[in-house]
């Protein structure tokens, strides 16, 4: 596939609040009303006399409007200010050969190069006389979104400056930058601990997922993707993990560099 023009534009919609986000709310010119409010797991927030306000999926402006209506009875004509204090609901994950692999928030528009910078840059080895060598296999690096590969050419982006590859990330995206000559298997997505594990000849799908502490709650275990090969010619197969666990389907033997 090819990079779409829409992937090269920042998301058009305003940031929409999700559970876990922290908002700073204040009734302007009313002393003592400044407060930090957590959006609860059910998507509601509680502020002052407003009670439970539905916040998940709404913009800051929409939340301001809802609070203004709810607080009229107590404050007449309040001017409510709502700001995003802490982003926890929208995240992306970057793993592999970066200095600080992990999960990062997506409060503002983030492109692939921004994501790598947030993770401290590519992991590199000193060659002497000030020269360094990146340890990531850029030709096998991938961006995965909702179970599909977004066709980003990491080698062209990082080594040749092809900014047409510098796409914007979406919540839940995973970037994988495997090591050159990798002997690891990467386990990502809806597992309890996204990780990479050293490859062994006896490694299979179930043992690799077990190394990541198993599927996360709500994981779609009937549709587990195993990605093998380079970005240019990836091979992707879907496996029903539930059937494998029940012995109804053969376990999948893995190869070095596989991504689950």
Protein backbone atom coordinates (compact mmCIF):
# COMPACT_ATOMS: atom_id res chain seq x y z
CA UNK A 1 0.00 0.00 0.00
CA UNK A 2 0.88 3.67 -0.12
CA UNK A 3 0.81 6.47 2.42
CA UNK A 4 -2.48 8.37 2.11
CA UNK A 5 -2.59 12.16 2.04
CA UNK A 6 -4.82 12.12 5.12
CA UNK A 7 -2.05 10.39 7.10
CA UNK A 8 0.23 13.36 6.39
CA UNK A 9 -2.20 15.88 7.89
CA UNK A 10 -2.79 16.41 11.59
CA UNK A 11 -6.07 14.96 12.84
CA UNK A 12 -8.80 17.42 11.91
CA UNK A 13 -10.92 16.93 15.00
CA UNK A 14 -10.23 18.62 18.32
CA UNK A 15 -8.82 16.45 21.08
CA UNK A 16 -11.59 14.38 22.59
CA UNK A 17 -11.45 13.53 26.25
CA UNK A 18 -11.25 9.94 27.47
CA UNK A 19 -11.25 8.06 30.80
CA UNK A 20 -8.11 8.75 32.82
CA UNK A 21 -7.56 12.26 31.47
CA UNK A 22 -7.17 14.99 34.08
CA UNK A 23 -8.85 18.36 33.50
CA UNK A 24 -8.18 21.68 35.21
CA UNK A 25 -11.53 23.39 35.76
CA UNK A 26 -12.31 26.83 37.15
CA UNK A 27 -15.26 29.18 37.36
CA UNK A 28 -13.62 32.37 36.21
CA UNK A 29 -13.51 35.18 38.80
CA UNK A 30 -14.93 32.94 41.54
CA UNK A 31 -12.17 32.36 44.14
CA UNK A 32 -11.56 28.84 45.35
CA UNK A 33 -13.16 27.06 42.39
CA UNK A 34 -9.94 25.93 40.66
CA UNK A 35 -9.73 22.14 40.76
CA UNK A 36 -8.18 19.18 38.97
CA UNK A 37 -10.75 16.58 37.97
CA UNK A 38 -10.17 13.02 36.82
CA UNK A 39 -12.40 11.61 34.09
CA UNK A 40 -13.71 8.42 35.64
CA UNK A 41 -13.68 4.95 34.02
CA UNK A 42 -17.37 5.39 33.09
CA UNK A 43 -16.46 8.58 31.17
CA UNK A 44 -17.95 11.02 33.69
CA UNK A 45 -16.34 13.79 35.70
CA UNK A 46 -17.44 15.41 38.95
CA UNK A 47 -16.85 19.09 39.64
CA UNK A 48 -18.28 21.35 42.33
CA UNK A 49 -22.09 21.18 42.34
CA UNK A 50 -22.36 19.86 38.79
CA UNK A 51 -22.63 16.17 39.61
CA UNK A 52 -21.67 13.59 37.01
CA UNK A 53 -20.98 15.25 33.66
CA UNK A 54 -20.53 13.04 30.59
CA UNK A 55 -17.03 13.85 29.33
CA UNK A 56 -15.71 10.91 27.30
CA UNK A 57 -15.64 11.59 23.58
CA UNK A 58 -16.26 15.33 24.05
CA UNK A 59 -14.08 18.35 23.29
CA UNK A 60 -13.02 20.80 26.00
CA UNK A 61 -15.51 23.34 24.62
CA UNK A 62 -18.37 20.85 24.86
CA UNK A 63 -17.44 20.09 28.47
CA UNK A 64 -17.33 23.82 29.26
CA UNK A 65 -20.84 24.18 27.84
CA UNK A 66 -22.15 21.20 29.85
CA UNK A 67 -20.66 22.55 33.07
CA UNK A 68 -22.02 26.03 32.42
CA UNK A 69 -25.56 24.62 32.14
CA UNK A 70 -25.17 22.43 35.23
CA UNK A 71 -23.75 25.23 37.39
CA UNK A 72 -26.27 27.98 36.49
CA UNK A 73 -28.49 27.13 39.43
CA UNK A 74 -25.65 27.79 41.89
CA UNK A 75 -23.63 30.52 40.14
CA UNK A 76 -26.08 32.47 37.99
CA UNK A 77 -24.15 32.96 34.75
CA UNK A 78 -20.82 31.23 35.34
CA UNK A 79 -17.89 31.46 32.91
CA UNK A 80 -16.32 28.03 33.07
CA UNK A 81 -12.74 27.40 31.95
CA UNK A 82 -11.64 23.81 31.18
CA UNK A 83 -8.05 22.92 30.26
CA UNK A 84 -6.35 19.60 29.63
CA UNK A 85 -3.98 19.01 32.54
CA UNK A 86 -2.88 15.44 31.90
CA UNK A 87 -3.42 13.07 28.98
CA UNK A 88 -3.83 9.41 29.84
CA UNK A 89 -6.48 8.08 27.48
CA UNK A 90 -4.78 8.57 24.10
CA UNK A 91 -1.46 6.76 23.76
CA UNK A 92 0.97 5.21 21.33
CA UNK A 93 3.69 2.63 21.94
CA UNK A 94 7.20 2.61 20.51
CA UNK A 95 9.46 -0.37 21.17
CA UNK A 96 12.74 -1.76 19.94
CA UNK A 97 15.96 0.10 19.27
CA UNK A 98 15.18 3.47 20.86
CA UNK A 99 16.70 4.92 24.02
CA UNK A 100 13.44 4.98 26.01
CA UNK A 101 10.99 2.41 24.64
CA UNK A 102 7.51 2.51 26.10
CA UNK A 103 4.04 4.03 25.89
CA UNK A 104 3.60 7.77 25.39
CA UNK A 105 0.64 10.14 25.43
CA UNK A 106 -0.93 11.71 22.35
CA UNK A 107 -2.21 15.03 23.67
CA UNK A 108 -0.96 17.01 20.67
CA UNK A 109 -0.51 15.84 17.06
CA UNK A 110 2.53 13.53 16.92
CA UNK A 111 4.34 12.37 13.78
CA UNK A 112 6.68 9.39 13.44
CA UNK A 113 9.83 11.49 13.91
CA UNK A 114 8.27 13.20 16.95
CA UNK A 115 7.54 9.76 18.39
CA UNK A 116 11.15 8.62 17.93
CA UNK A 117 12.36 11.86 19.53
CA UNK A 118 10.01 11.37 22.50
CA UNK A 119 11.58 7.93 22.95
CA UNK A 120 15.05 9.50 23.15
CA UNK A 121 16.08 8.81 19.55
CA UNK A 122 17.46 5.69 17.93
CA UNK A 123 19.74 3.45 19.95
CA UNK A 124 23.21 3.59 18.42
CA UNK A 125 26.67 2.15 18.95
CA UNK A 126 29.90 4.15 19.00
CA UNK A 127 32.31 3.19 16.23
CA UNK A 128 35.22 5.40 17.33
CA UNK A 129 36.38 8.86 16.15
CA UNK A 130 32.91 10.21 16.95
CA UNK A 131 31.12 7.97 14.44
CA UNK A 132 28.02 6.03 15.42
CA UNK A 133 25.88 3.32 13.88
CA UNK A 134 22.14 2.96 14.40
CA UNK A 135 21.24 -0.49 15.68
CA UNK A 136 17.68 -0.51 14.35
CA UNK A 137 16.83 -2.46 11.21
CA UNK A 138 14.94 0.37 9.51
CA UNK A 139 13.98 -1.77 6.52
CA UNK A 140 12.06 -4.10 8.84
CA UNK A 141 10.62 -1.41 11.09
CA UNK A 142 6.85 -1.08 11.03
CA UNK A 143 3.94 1.08 12.16
CA UNK A 144 0.90 -1.00 13.09
CA UNK A 145 -2.59 0.51 13.41
CA UNK A 146 -5.64 -1.51 14.38
CA UNK A 147 -4.19 -4.75 13.13
CA UNK A 148 -2.84 -3.45 9.82
CA UNK A 149 0.54 -2.17 8.67
CA UNK A 150 0.72 1.52 7.72
CA UNK A 151 3.28 1.46 4.88
CA UNK A 152 5.85 3.85 6.38
CA UNK A 153 9.33 3.56 4.85
CA UNK A 154 11.42 4.15 7.98
CA UNK A 155 14.68 3.85 6.03
CA UNK A 156 13.59 6.50 3.54
CA UNK A 157 12.32 8.76 6.33
CA UNK A 158 15.34 8.57 8.63
CA UNK A 159 18.22 8.01 6.21
CA UNK A 160 17.00 9.95 3.18
CA UNK A 161 14.80 12.60 4.76
CA UNK A 162 11.67 11.56 2.85
CA UNK A 163 9.11 13.56 4.80
CA UNK A 164 6.25 11.97 2.85
CA UNK A 165 6.77 9.04 5.23
CA UNK A 166 6.39 11.17 8.38
CA UNK A 167 2.76 10.29 9.09
CA UNK A 168 0.71 11.41 12.06
CA UNK A 169 0.02 8.81 14.73
CA UNK A 170 -3.41 7.71 15.91
CA UNK A 171 -4.34 6.53 19.42
CA UNK A 172 -3.29 2.92 19.91
CA UNK A 173 -0.57 2.94 17.22
CA UNK A 174 2.49 0.74 17.70
CA UNK A 175 5.92 1.49 16.23
CA UNK A 176 8.46 -1.35 16.17
CA UNK A 177 12.13 -0.74 15.42
CA UNK A 178 13.72 -4.23 15.58
CA UNK A 179 17.44 -4.77 16.01
CA UNK A 180 19.72 -5.53 13.08
CA UNK A 181 20.11 -9.29 12.80
CA UNK A 182 17.46 -9.60 15.48
CA UNK A 183 17.13 -12.77 17.51
CA UNK A 184 14.04 -11.51 19.30
CA UNK A 185 10.28 -11.87 18.96
CA UNK A 186 8.13 -8.78 19.63
CA UNK A 187 4.81 -9.18 21.46
CA UNK A 188 2.62 -6.08 21.17
CA UNK A 189 -0.96 -4.90 21.24
CA UNK A 190 -3.51 -6.06 23.79
CA UNK A 191 -1.20 -7.95 26.13
CA UNK A 192 -0.56 -7.13 29.76
CA UNK A 193 3.12 -6.21 29.19
CA UNK A 194 4.17 -5.40 25.60
CA UNK A 195 7.71 -6.69 25.31
CA UNK A 196 10.33 -8.45 23.24
CA UNK A 197 11.64 -11.87 24.18
CA UNK A 198 14.80 -13.70 23.10
CA UNK A 199 14.07 -16.18 20.34
CA UNK A 200 14.51 -19.89 20.94
CA UNK A 201 13.93 -22.80 18.58
CA UNK A 202 11.00 -24.04 20.66
CA UNK A 203 9.23 -20.67 20.87
CA UNK A 204 5.62 -20.64 19.75
CA UNK A 205 2.71 -18.21 19.78
CA UNK A 206 1.36 -19.29 23.17
CA UNK A 207 4.73 -19.19 24.94
CA UNK A 208 5.54 -15.76 23.48
CA UNK A 209 2.20 -14.30 24.62
CA UNK A 210 2.75 -15.89 28.03
CA UNK A 211 6.08 -14.00 28.22
CA UNK A 212 4.05 -10.79 27.84
CA UNK A 213 1.93 -11.91 30.84
CA UNK A 214 -0.93 -13.01 28.64
CA UNK A 215 -3.72 -11.17 26.81
CA UNK A 216 -5.00 -7.94 28.33
CA UNK A 217 -8.66 -7.77 29.47
CA UNK A 218 -10.85 -7.21 26.43
CA UNK A 219 -8.25 -8.52 23.96
CA UNK A 220 -9.65 -9.95 20.73
CA UNK A 221 -8.06 -13.37 21.13
CA UNK A 222 -9.82 -14.72 18.05
CA UNK A 223 -7.80 -12.39 15.82
CA UNK A 224 -4.10 -12.44 16.78
CA UNK A 225 -1.78 -11.21 14.03
CA UNK A 226 1.65 -12.69 13.37
CA UNK A 227 3.75 -10.43 11.12
CA UNK A 228 6.84 -11.82 9.44
CA UNK A 229 9.26 -10.36 6.90
CA UNK A 230 10.20 -6.83 5.87
CA UNK A 231 8.00 -3.77 5.59
CA UNK A 232 8.19 -4.04 1.79
CA UNK A 233 7.04 -7.67 1.69
CA UNK A 234 5.41 -8.43 5.02
CA UNK A 235 3.48 -11.62 5.53
CA UNK A 236 0.60 -11.42 7.95
CA UNK A 237 -1.49 -14.28 9.24
CA UNK A 238 -4.42 -14.18 11.65
CA UNK A 239 -4.59 -16.84 14.36
CA UNK A 240 -7.44 -17.71 16.70
CA UNK A 241 -5.58 -17.88 20.01
CA UNK A 242 -8.64 -19.17 21.83
CA UNK A 243 -8.78 -22.22 19.53
CA UNK A 244 -5.04 -22.79 19.93
CA UNK A 245 -5.39 -22.72 23.72
CA UNK A 246 -8.26 -25.21 23.52
CA UNK A 247 -6.29 -27.54 21.26
CA UNK A 248 -8.62 -27.03 18.31
CA UNK A 249 -5.94 -25.40 16.19
CA UNK A 250 -2.20 -26.04 15.87
CA UNK A 251 0.17 -23.76 17.76
CA UNK A 252 2.26 -21.43 15.58
CA UNK A 253 6.03 -21.91 15.61
CA UNK A 254 7.75 -18.54 15.50
CA UNK A 255 10.84 -17.26 13.71
CA UNK A 256 13.38 -14.61 14.79
CA UNK A 257 12.03 -11.11 14.23
CA UNK A 258 8.35 -12.09 14.25
CA UNK A 259 5.93 -9.46 15.53
CA UNK A 260 2.77 -10.57 17.36
